[in-house]
């Protein structure tokens, strides 16, 4: 089991290939989510070479529904920061 072991799923092959993704990325982690889900977010972010993890302390599992403005801002910020970069 990976860091997401609390979910009782076998390690998906994609998890071990995350390091091959070279595009700038950001993992948004809801601070009030289940601890296992938070751990998964950090594990995914750690494997992505050009990742900026962001913890939203006041967010729960429904981050996109409760905080769409934060999602939109995070996407816009990451996209604008990667302009001109060849991936």
PDB file of N, CA and C in Angstrom:
ATOM      1  N   UNK A   1       0.836  -1.184   0.000  1.00  0.00           N
ATOM      2  CA  UNK A   1       0.000   0.000   0.000  1.00  0.00           C
ATOM      3  C   UNK A   1       0.885   1.253   0.000  1.00  0.00           C
ATOM      4  N   UNK A   2       0.449   2.246  -0.688  1.00  0.00           N
ATOM      5  CA  UNK A   2       1.168   3.522  -0.745  1.00  0.00           C
ATOM      6  C   UNK A   2       0.771   4.380   0.446  1.00  0.00           C
ATOM      7  N   UNK A   3       1.139   5.637   0.418  1.00  0.00           N
ATOM      8  CA  UNK A   3       0.761   6.567   1.479  1.00  0.00           C
ATOM      9  C   UNK A   3      -0.749   6.664   1.601  1.00  0.00           C
ATOM     10  N   UNK A   4      -1.447   6.243   0.591  1.00  0.00           N
ATOM     11  CA  UNK A   4      -2.907   6.285   0.586  1.00  0.00           C
ATOM     12  C   UNK A   4      -3.475   4.994   1.145  1.00  0.00           C
ATOM     13  N   UNK A   5      -2.717   4.270   1.945  1.00  0.00           N
ATOM     14  CA  UNK A   5      -3.115   2.973   2.455  1.00  0.00           C
ATOM     15  C   UNK A   5      -4.428   2.965   3.199  1.00  0.00           C
ATOM     16  N   UNK A   6      -4.801   4.081   3.810  1.00  0.00           N
ATOM     17  CA  UNK A   6      -6.080   4.142   4.515  1.00  0.00           C
ATOM     18  C   UNK A   6      -7.247   3.898   3.578  1.00  0.00           C
ATOM     19  N   UNK A   7      -7.051   4.072   2.293  1.00  0.00           N
ATOM     20  CA  UNK A   7      -8.124   3.874   1.325  1.00  0.00           C
ATOM     21  C   UNK A   7      -8.244   2.410   0.927  1.00  0.00           C
ATOM     22  N   UNK A   8      -7.334   1.556   1.400  1.00  0.00           N
ATOM     23  CA  UNK A   8      -7.361   0.118   1.147  1.00  0.00           C
ATOM     24  C   UNK A   8      -7.414  -0.224  -0.334  1.00  0.00           C
ATOM     25  N   UNK A   9      -6.586   0.411  -1.103  1.00  0.00           N
ATOM     26  CA  UNK A   9      -6.476   0.118  -2.523  1.00  0.00           C
ATOM     27  C   UNK A   9      -5.028  -0.236  -2.822  1.00  0.00           C
ATOM     28  N   UNK A  10      -4.802  -1.152  -3.753  1.00  0.00           N
ATOM     29  CA  UNK A  10      -3.414  -1.446  -4.123  1.00  0.00           C
ATOM     30  C   UNK A  10      -2.772  -0.234  -4.781  1.00  0.00           C
ATOM     31  N   UNK A  11      -1.465  -0.197  -4.744  1.00  0.00           N
ATOM     32  CA  UNK A  11      -0.742   0.917  -5.358  1.00  0.00           C
ATOM     33  C   UNK A  11      -1.080   0.986  -6.847  1.00  0.00           C
ATOM     34  N   UNK A  12      -1.657   2.065  -7.294  1.00  0.00           N
ATOM     35  CA  UNK A  12      -1.906   2.175  -8.733  1.00  0.00           C
ATOM     36  C   UNK A  12      -0.591   2.433  -9.464  1.00  0.00           C
ATOM     37  N   UNK A  13      -0.381   1.812 -10.622  1.00  0.00           N
ATOM     38  CA  UNK A  13       0.870   2.022 -11.354  1.00  0.00           C
ATOM     39  C   UNK A  13       1.160   3.500 -11.632  1.00  0.00           C
ATOM     40  N   UNK A  14       0.142   4.307 -11.829  1.00  0.00           N
ATOM     41  CA  UNK A  14       0.357   5.723 -12.137  1.00  0.00           C
ATOM     42  C   UNK A  14       1.091   6.435 -11.004  1.00  0.00           C
ATOM     43  N   UNK A  15       0.863   6.035  -9.775  1.00  0.00           N
ATOM     44  CA  UNK A  15       1.507   6.684  -8.632  1.00  0.00           C
ATOM     45  C   UNK A  15       3.025   6.603  -8.759  1.00  0.00           C
ATOM     46  N   UNK A  16       3.510   5.473  -9.245  1.00  0.00           N
ATOM     47  CA  UNK A  16       4.956   5.292  -9.387  1.00  0.00           C
ATOM     48  C   UNK A  16       5.522   5.960 -10.631  1.00  0.00           C
ATOM     49  N   UNK A  17       4.665   6.530 -11.456  1.00  0.00           N
ATOM     50  CA  UNK A  17       5.131   7.228 -12.659  1.00  0.00           C
ATOM     51  C   UNK A  17       4.941   8.742 -12.573  1.00  0.00           C
ATOM     52  N   UNK A  18       4.485   9.238 -11.454  1.00  0.00           N
ATOM     53  CA  UNK A  18       4.245  10.679 -11.331  1.00  0.00           C
ATOM     54  C   UNK A  18       5.511  11.494 -11.593  1.00  0.00           C
ATOM     55  N   UNK A  19       6.656  10.945 -11.255  1.00  0.00           N
ATOM     56  CA  UNK A  19       7.922  11.672 -11.452  1.00  0.00           C
ATOM     57  C   UNK A  19       8.210  11.968 -12.921  1.00  0.00           C
ATOM     58  N   UNK A  20       7.499  11.315 -13.837  1.00  0.00           N
ATOM     59  CA  UNK A  20       7.731  11.551 -15.264  1.00  0.00           C
ATOM     60  C   UNK A  20       6.948  12.748 -15.800  1.00  0.00           C
ATOM     61  N   UNK A  21       6.066  13.291 -15.001  1.00  0.00           N
ATOM     62  CA  UNK A  21       5.281  14.460 -15.425  1.00  0.00           C
ATOM     63  C   UNK A  21       6.145  15.699 -15.242  1.00  0.00           C
ATOM     64  N   UNK A  22       6.446  16.366 -16.334  1.00  0.00           N
ATOM     65  CA  UNK A  22       7.349  17.519 -16.259  1.00  0.00           C
ATOM     66  C   UNK A  22       6.625  18.856 -16.293  1.00  0.00           C
ATOM     67  N   UNK A  23       5.334  18.838 -16.528  1.00  0.00           N
ATOM     68  CA  UNK A  23       4.572  20.090 -16.572  1.00  0.00           C
ATOM     69  C   UNK A  23       4.461  20.681 -15.172  1.00  0.00           C
ATOM     70  N   UNK A  24       4.522  21.997 -15.063  1.00  0.00           N
ATOM     71  CA  UNK A  24       4.297  22.627 -13.764  1.00  0.00           C
ATOM     72  C   UNK A  24       2.919  22.228 -13.239  1.00  0.00           C
ATOM     73  N   UNK A  25       2.852  21.934 -11.968  1.00  0.00           N
ATOM     74  CA  UNK A  25       1.589  21.477 -11.394  1.00  0.00           C
ATOM     75  C   UNK A  25       1.422  22.011  -9.979  1.00  0.00           C
ATOM     76  N   UNK A  26       0.229  21.867  -9.497  1.00  0.00           N
ATOM     77  CA  UNK A  26      -0.075  22.260  -8.121  1.00  0.00           C
ATOM     78  C   UNK A  26      -1.077  21.252  -7.575  1.00  0.00           C
ATOM     79  N   UNK A  27      -0.840  20.787  -6.375  1.00  0.00           N
ATOM     80  CA  UNK A  27      -1.783  19.914  -5.683  1.00  0.00           C
ATOM     81  C   UNK A  27      -2.416  20.744  -4.582  1.00  0.00           C
ATOM     82  N   UNK A  28      -3.734  20.855  -4.633  1.00  0.00           N
ATOM     83  CA  UNK A  28      -4.468  21.565  -3.593  1.00  0.00           C
ATOM     84  C   UNK A  28      -4.918  20.547  -2.556  1.00  0.00           C
ATOM     85  N   UNK A  29      -4.586  20.809  -1.308  1.00  0.00           N
ATOM     86  CA  UNK A  29      -4.868  19.884  -0.218  1.00  0.00           C
ATOM     87  C   UNK A  29      -5.800  20.575   0.766  1.00  0.00           C
ATOM     88  N   UNK A  30      -6.939  19.951   1.001  1.00  0.00           N
ATOM     89  CA  UNK A  30      -7.921  20.501   1.940  1.00  0.00           C
ATOM     90  C   UNK A  30      -7.494  20.151   3.364  1.00  0.00           C
ATOM     91  N   UNK A  31      -7.198  21.154   4.144  1.00  0.00           N
ATOM     92  CA  UNK A  31      -6.688  20.948   5.494  1.00  0.00           C
ATOM     93  C   UNK A  31      -7.628  20.217   6.431  1.00  0.00           C
ATOM     94  N   UNK A  32      -8.934  20.301   6.194  1.00  0.00           N
ATOM     95  CA  UNK A  32      -9.914  19.645   7.063  1.00  0.00           C
ATOM     96  C   UNK A  32     -10.372  18.295   6.516  1.00  0.00           C
ATOM     97  N   UNK A  33      -9.718  17.815   5.473  1.00  0.00           N
ATOM     98  CA  UNK A  33     -10.089  16.527   4.887  1.00  0.00           C
ATOM     99  C   UNK A  33      -9.637  15.393   5.805  1.00  0.00           C
ATOM    100  N   UNK A  34     -10.052  14.176   5.484  1.00  0.00           N
ATOM    101  CA  UNK A  34      -9.640  12.989   6.228  1.00  0.00           C
ATOM    102  C   UNK A  34      -8.112  12.913   6.195  1.00  0.00           C
ATOM    103  N   UNK A  35      -7.471  12.580   7.312  1.00  0.00           N
ATOM    104  CA  UNK A  35      -6.004  12.545   7.345  1.00  0.00           C
ATOM    105  C   UNK A  35      -5.375  11.677   6.254  1.00  0.00           C
ATOM    106  N   UNK A  36      -6.023  10.590   5.886  1.00  0.00           N
ATOM    107  CA  UNK A  36      -5.489   9.742   4.824  1.00  0.00           C
ATOM    108  C   UNK A  36      -5.493  10.433   3.475  1.00  0.00           C
ATOM    109  N   UNK A  37      -6.520  11.229   3.225  1.00  0.00           N
ATOM    110  CA  UNK A  37      -6.615  11.965   1.962  1.00  0.00           C
ATOM    111  C   UNK A  37      -5.569  13.081   1.938  1.00  0.00           C
ATOM    112  N   UNK A  38      -5.374  13.735   3.066  1.00  0.00           N
ATOM    113  CA  UNK A  38      -4.340  14.773   3.169  1.00  0.00           C
ATOM    114  C   UNK A  38      -2.964  14.153   2.909  1.00  0.00           C
ATOM    115  N   UNK A  39      -2.712  12.986   3.490  1.00  0.00           N
ATOM    116  CA  UNK A  39      -1.434  12.297   3.277  1.00  0.00           C
ATOM    117  C   UNK A  39      -1.245  11.943   1.809  1.00  0.00           C
ATOM    118  N   UNK A  40      -2.313  11.519   1.149  1.00  0.00           N
ATOM    119  CA  UNK A  40      -2.232  11.208  -0.284  1.00  0.00           C
ATOM    120  C   UNK A  40      -1.855  12.450  -1.084  1.00  0.00           C
ATOM    121  N   UNK A  41      -2.457  13.579  -0.748  1.00  0.00           N
ATOM    122  CA  UNK A  41      -2.137  14.822  -1.448  1.00  0.00           C
ATOM    123  C   UNK A  41      -0.667  15.178  -1.324  1.00  0.00           C
ATOM    124  N   UNK A  42      -0.136  15.044  -0.118  1.00  0.00           N
ATOM    125  CA  UNK A  42       1.287  15.332   0.092  1.00  0.00           C
ATOM    126  C   UNK A  42       2.168  14.323  -0.642  1.00  0.00           C
ATOM    127  N   UNK A  43       1.753  13.054  -0.657  1.00  0.00           N
ATOM    128  CA  UNK A  43       2.533  12.022  -1.349  1.00  0.00           C
ATOM    129  C   UNK A  43       2.566  12.278  -2.852  1.00  0.00           C
ATOM    130  N   UNK A  44       1.437  12.657  -3.420  1.00  0.00           N
ATOM    131  CA  UNK A  44       1.383  12.970  -4.850  1.00  0.00           C
ATOM    132  C   UNK A  44       2.265  14.181  -5.146  1.00  0.00           C
ATOM    133  N   UNK A  45       2.141  15.224  -4.343  1.00  0.00           N
ATOM    134  CA  UNK A  45       2.935  16.440  -4.557  1.00  0.00           C
ATOM    135  C   UNK A  45       4.435  16.154  -4.471  1.00  0.00           C
ATOM    136  N   UNK A  46       4.818  15.284  -3.563  1.00  0.00           N
ATOM    137  CA  UNK A  46       6.241  14.964  -3.394  1.00  0.00           C
ATOM    138  C   UNK A  46       6.813  14.233  -4.603  1.00  0.00           C
ATOM    139  N   UNK A  47       5.985  13.531  -5.338  1.00  0.00           N
ATOM    140  CA  UNK A  47       6.462  12.768  -6.495  1.00  0.00           C
ATOM    141  C   UNK A  47       6.461  13.580  -7.790  1.00  0.00           C
ATOM    142  N   UNK A  48       5.777  14.693  -7.819  1.00  0.00           N
ATOM    143  CA  UNK A  48       5.735  15.530  -9.021  1.00  0.00           C
ATOM    144  C   UNK A  48       6.919  16.497  -8.994  1.00  0.00           C
ATOM    145  N   UNK A  49       7.803  16.453  -9.997  1.00  0.00           N
ATOM    146  CA  UNK A  49       9.024  17.252  -9.949  1.00  0.00           C
ATOM    147  C   UNK A  49       8.831  18.767  -9.926  1.00  0.00           C
ATOM    148  N   UNK A  50       7.797  19.269 -10.558  1.00  0.00           N
ATOM    149  CA  UNK A  50       7.592  20.722 -10.622  1.00  0.00           C
ATOM    150  C   UNK A  50       6.262  21.085  -9.973  1.00  0.00           C
ATOM    151  N   UNK A  51       6.071  20.568  -8.775  1.00  0.00           N
ATOM    152  CA  UNK A  51       4.788  20.745  -8.091  1.00  0.00           C
ATOM    153  C   UNK A  51       4.906  21.737  -6.943  1.00  0.00           C
ATOM    154  N   UNK A  52       3.886  22.553  -6.823  1.00  0.00           N
ATOM    155  CA  UNK A  52       3.747  23.446  -5.678  1.00  0.00           C
ATOM    156  C   UNK A  52       2.525  22.984  -4.893  1.00  0.00           C
ATOM    157  N   UNK A  53       2.726  22.249  -3.798  1.00  0.00           N
ATOM    158  CA  UNK A  53       1.565  21.860  -3.001  1.00  0.00           C
ATOM    159  C   UNK A  53       1.027  23.062  -2.236  1.00  0.00           C
ATOM    160  N   UNK A  54      -0.270  23.134  -2.117  1.00  0.00           N
ATOM    161  CA  UNK A  54      -0.910  24.225  -1.381  1.00  0.00           C
ATOM    162  C   UNK A  54      -1.950  23.637  -0.445  1.00  0.00           C
ATOM    163  N   UNK A  55      -1.784  23.887   0.845  1.00  0.00           N
ATOM    164  CA  UNK A  55      -2.763  23.440   1.830  1.00  0.00           C
ATOM    165  C   UNK A  55      -3.724  24.590   2.086  1.00  0.00           C
ATOM    166  N   UNK A  56      -5.012  24.297   1.947  1.00  0.00           N
ATOM    167  CA  UNK A  56      -6.061  25.270   2.238  1.00  0.00           C
ATOM    168  C   UNK A  56      -6.627  24.873   3.602  1.00  0.00           C
ATOM    169  N   UNK A  57      -6.157  25.507   4.693  1.00  0.00           N
ATOM    170  CA  UNK A  57      -6.489  25.043   6.041  1.00  0.00           C
ATOM    171  C   UNK A  57      -7.987  24.973   6.341  1.00  0.00           C
ATOM    172  N   UNK A  58      -8.756  25.914   5.823  1.00  0.00           N
ATOM    173  CA  UNK A  58     -10.180  25.986   6.160  1.00  0.00           C
ATOM    174  C   UNK A  58     -11.060  25.127   5.260  1.00  0.00           C
ATOM    175  N   UNK A  59     -10.462  24.406   4.312  1.00  0.00           N
ATOM    176  CA  UNK A  59     -11.235  23.633   3.336  1.00  0.00           C
ATOM    177  C   UNK A  59     -11.414  22.185   3.781  1.00  0.00           C
ATOM    178  N   UNK A  60     -12.571  21.625   3.384  1.00  0.00           N
ATOM    179  CA  UNK A  60     -12.838  20.216   3.649  1.00  0.00           C
ATOM    180  C   UNK A  60     -12.796  19.444   2.330  1.00  0.00           C
ATOM    181  N   UNK A  61     -13.339  18.228   2.331  1.00  0.00           N
ATOM    182  CA  UNK A  61     -13.277  17.358   1.159  1.00  0.00           C
ATOM    183  C   UNK A  61     -13.972  17.961  -0.064  1.00  0.00           C
ATOM    184  N   UNK A  62     -14.878  18.886   0.142  1.00  0.00           N
ATOM    185  CA  UNK A  62     -15.615  19.501  -0.963  1.00  0.00           C
ATOM    186  C   UNK A  62     -15.000  20.838  -1.366  1.00  0.00           C
ATOM    187  N   UNK A  63     -13.694  20.896  -1.368  1.00  0.00           N
ATOM    188  CA  UNK A  63     -12.956  22.117  -1.695  1.00  0.00           C
ATOM    189  C   UNK A  63     -13.455  22.803  -2.958  1.00  0.00           C
ATOM    190  N   UNK A  64     -13.626  22.108  -4.089  1.00  0.00           N
ATOM    191  CA  UNK A  64     -14.084  22.802  -5.304  1.00  0.00           C
ATOM    192  C   UNK A  64     -15.491  23.385  -5.184  1.00  0.00           C
ATOM    193  N   UNK A  65     -16.334  22.761  -4.387  1.00  0.00           N
ATOM    194  CA  UNK A  65     -17.701  23.274  -4.227  1.00  0.00           C
ATOM    195  C   UNK A  65     -17.774  24.446  -3.264  1.00  0.00           C
ATOM    196  N   UNK A  66     -17.002  24.373  -2.195  1.00  0.00           N
ATOM    197  CA  UNK A  66     -17.065  25.415  -1.168  1.00  0.00           C
ATOM    198  C   UNK A  66     -16.132  26.594  -1.423  1.00  0.00           C
ATOM    199  N   UNK A  67     -15.091  26.379  -2.211  1.00  0.00           N
ATOM    200  CA  UNK A  67     -14.096  27.436  -2.453  1.00  0.00           C
ATOM    201  C   UNK A  67     -13.701  27.503  -3.930  1.00  0.00           C
ATOM    202  N   UNK A  68     -14.660  27.652  -4.841  1.00  0.00           N
ATOM    203  CA  UNK A  68     -14.306  27.685  -6.270  1.00  0.00           C
ATOM    204  C   UNK A  68     -13.373  28.838  -6.619  1.00  0.00           C
ATOM    205  N   UNK A  69     -13.472  29.929  -5.879  1.00  0.00           N
ATOM    206  CA  UNK A  69     -12.592  31.069  -6.135  1.00  0.00           C
ATOM    207  C   UNK A  69     -11.133  30.715  -5.864  1.00  0.00           C
ATOM    208  N   UNK A  70     -10.883  29.930  -4.823  1.00  0.00           N
ATOM    209  CA  UNK A  70      -9.513  29.514  -4.529  1.00  0.00           C
ATOM    210  C   UNK A  70      -8.974  28.581  -5.612  1.00  0.00           C
ATOM    211  N   UNK A  71      -9.835  27.714  -6.115  1.00  0.00           N
ATOM    212  CA  UNK A  71      -9.435  26.808  -7.196  1.00  0.00           C
ATOM    213  C   UNK A  71      -9.070  27.623  -8.438  1.00  0.00           C
ATOM    214  N   UNK A  72      -9.934  28.548  -8.809  1.00  0.00           N
ATOM    215  CA  UNK A  72      -9.693  29.374  -9.999  1.00  0.00           C
ATOM    216  C   UNK A  72      -8.412  30.190  -9.845  1.00  0.00           C
ATOM    217  N   UNK A  73      -8.209  30.784  -8.676  1.00  0.00           N
ATOM    218  CA  UNK A  73      -6.998  31.575  -8.441  1.00  0.00           C
ATOM    219  C   UNK A  73      -5.739  30.708  -8.517  1.00  0.00           C
ATOM    220  N   UNK A  74      -5.799  29.509  -7.950  1.00  0.00           N
ATOM    221  CA  UNK A  74      -4.639  28.616  -7.965  1.00  0.00           C
ATOM    222  C   UNK A  74      -4.287  28.200  -9.387  1.00  0.00           C
ATOM    223  N   UNK A  75      -5.308  27.910 -10.186  1.00  0.00           N
ATOM    224  CA  UNK A  75      -5.065  27.538 -11.584  1.00  0.00           C
ATOM    225  C   UNK A  75      -4.470  28.718 -12.348  1.00  0.00           C
ATOM    226  N   UNK A  76      -5.075  29.883 -12.208  1.00  0.00           N
ATOM    227  CA  UNK A  76      -4.588  31.068 -12.923  1.00  0.00           C
ATOM    228  C   UNK A  76      -3.156  31.403 -12.516  1.00  0.00           C
ATOM    229  N   UNK A  77      -2.866  31.310 -11.233  1.00  0.00           N
ATOM    230  CA  UNK A  77      -1.529  31.618 -10.736  1.00  0.00           C
ATOM    231  C   UNK A  77      -0.493  30.643 -11.293  1.00  0.00           C
ATOM    232  N   UNK A  78      -0.822  29.374 -11.293  1.00  0.00           N
ATOM    233  CA  UNK A  78       0.139  28.366 -11.768  1.00  0.00           C
ATOM    234  C   UNK A  78       0.336  28.462 -13.275  1.00  0.00           C
ATOM    235  N   UNK A  79      -0.735  28.702 -14.008  1.00  0.00           N
ATOM    236  CA  UNK A  79      -0.627  28.828 -15.464  1.00  0.00           C
ATOM    237  C   UNK A  79       0.178  30.067 -15.834  1.00  0.00           C
ATOM    238  N   UNK A  80      -0.099  31.191 -15.189  1.00  0.00           N
ATOM    239  CA  UNK A  80       0.633  32.416 -15.523  1.00  0.00           C
ATOM    240  C   UNK A  80       2.100  32.297 -15.136  1.00  0.00           C
ATOM    241  N   UNK A  81       2.395  31.549 -14.097  1.00  0.00           N
ATOM    242  CA  UNK A  81       3.779  31.358 -13.672  1.00  0.00           C
ATOM    243  C   UNK A  81       4.564  30.431 -14.571  1.00  0.00           C
ATOM    244  N   UNK A  82       3.877  29.668 -15.419  1.00  0.00           N
ATOM    245  CA  UNK A  82       4.577  28.713 -16.276  1.00  0.00           C
ATOM    246  C   UNK A  82       4.664  29.166 -17.723  1.00  0.00           C
ATOM    247  N   UNK A  83       4.143  30.329 -18.034  1.00  0.00           N
ATOM    248  CA  UNK A  83       4.195  30.812 -19.420  1.00  0.00           C
ATOM    249  C   UNK A  83       5.642  30.951 -19.869  1.00  0.00           C
ATOM    250  N   UNK A  84       5.893  30.502 -21.079  1.00  0.00           N
ATOM    251  CA  UNK A  84       7.229  30.611 -21.639  1.00  0.00           C
ATOM    252  C   UNK A  84       8.149  29.469 -21.263  1.00  0.00           C
ATOM    253  N   UNK A  85       7.692  28.578 -20.403  1.00  0.00           N
ATOM    254  CA  UNK A  85       8.518  27.450 -19.991  1.00  0.00           C
ATOM    255  C   UNK A  85       8.224  26.270 -20.908  1.00  0.00           C
ATOM    256  N   UNK A  86       9.247  25.688 -21.470  1.00  0.00           N
ATOM    257  CA  UNK A  86       9.069  24.502 -22.307  1.00  0.00           C
ATOM    258  C   UNK A  86       8.978  23.286 -21.411  1.00  0.00           C
ATOM    259  N   UNK A  87       7.985  22.460 -21.656  1.00  0.00           N
ATOM    260  CA  UNK A  87       7.830  21.230 -20.866  1.00  0.00           C
ATOM    261  C   UNK A  87       7.910  20.021 -21.759  1.00  0.00           C
TER     262      UNK A  87
END
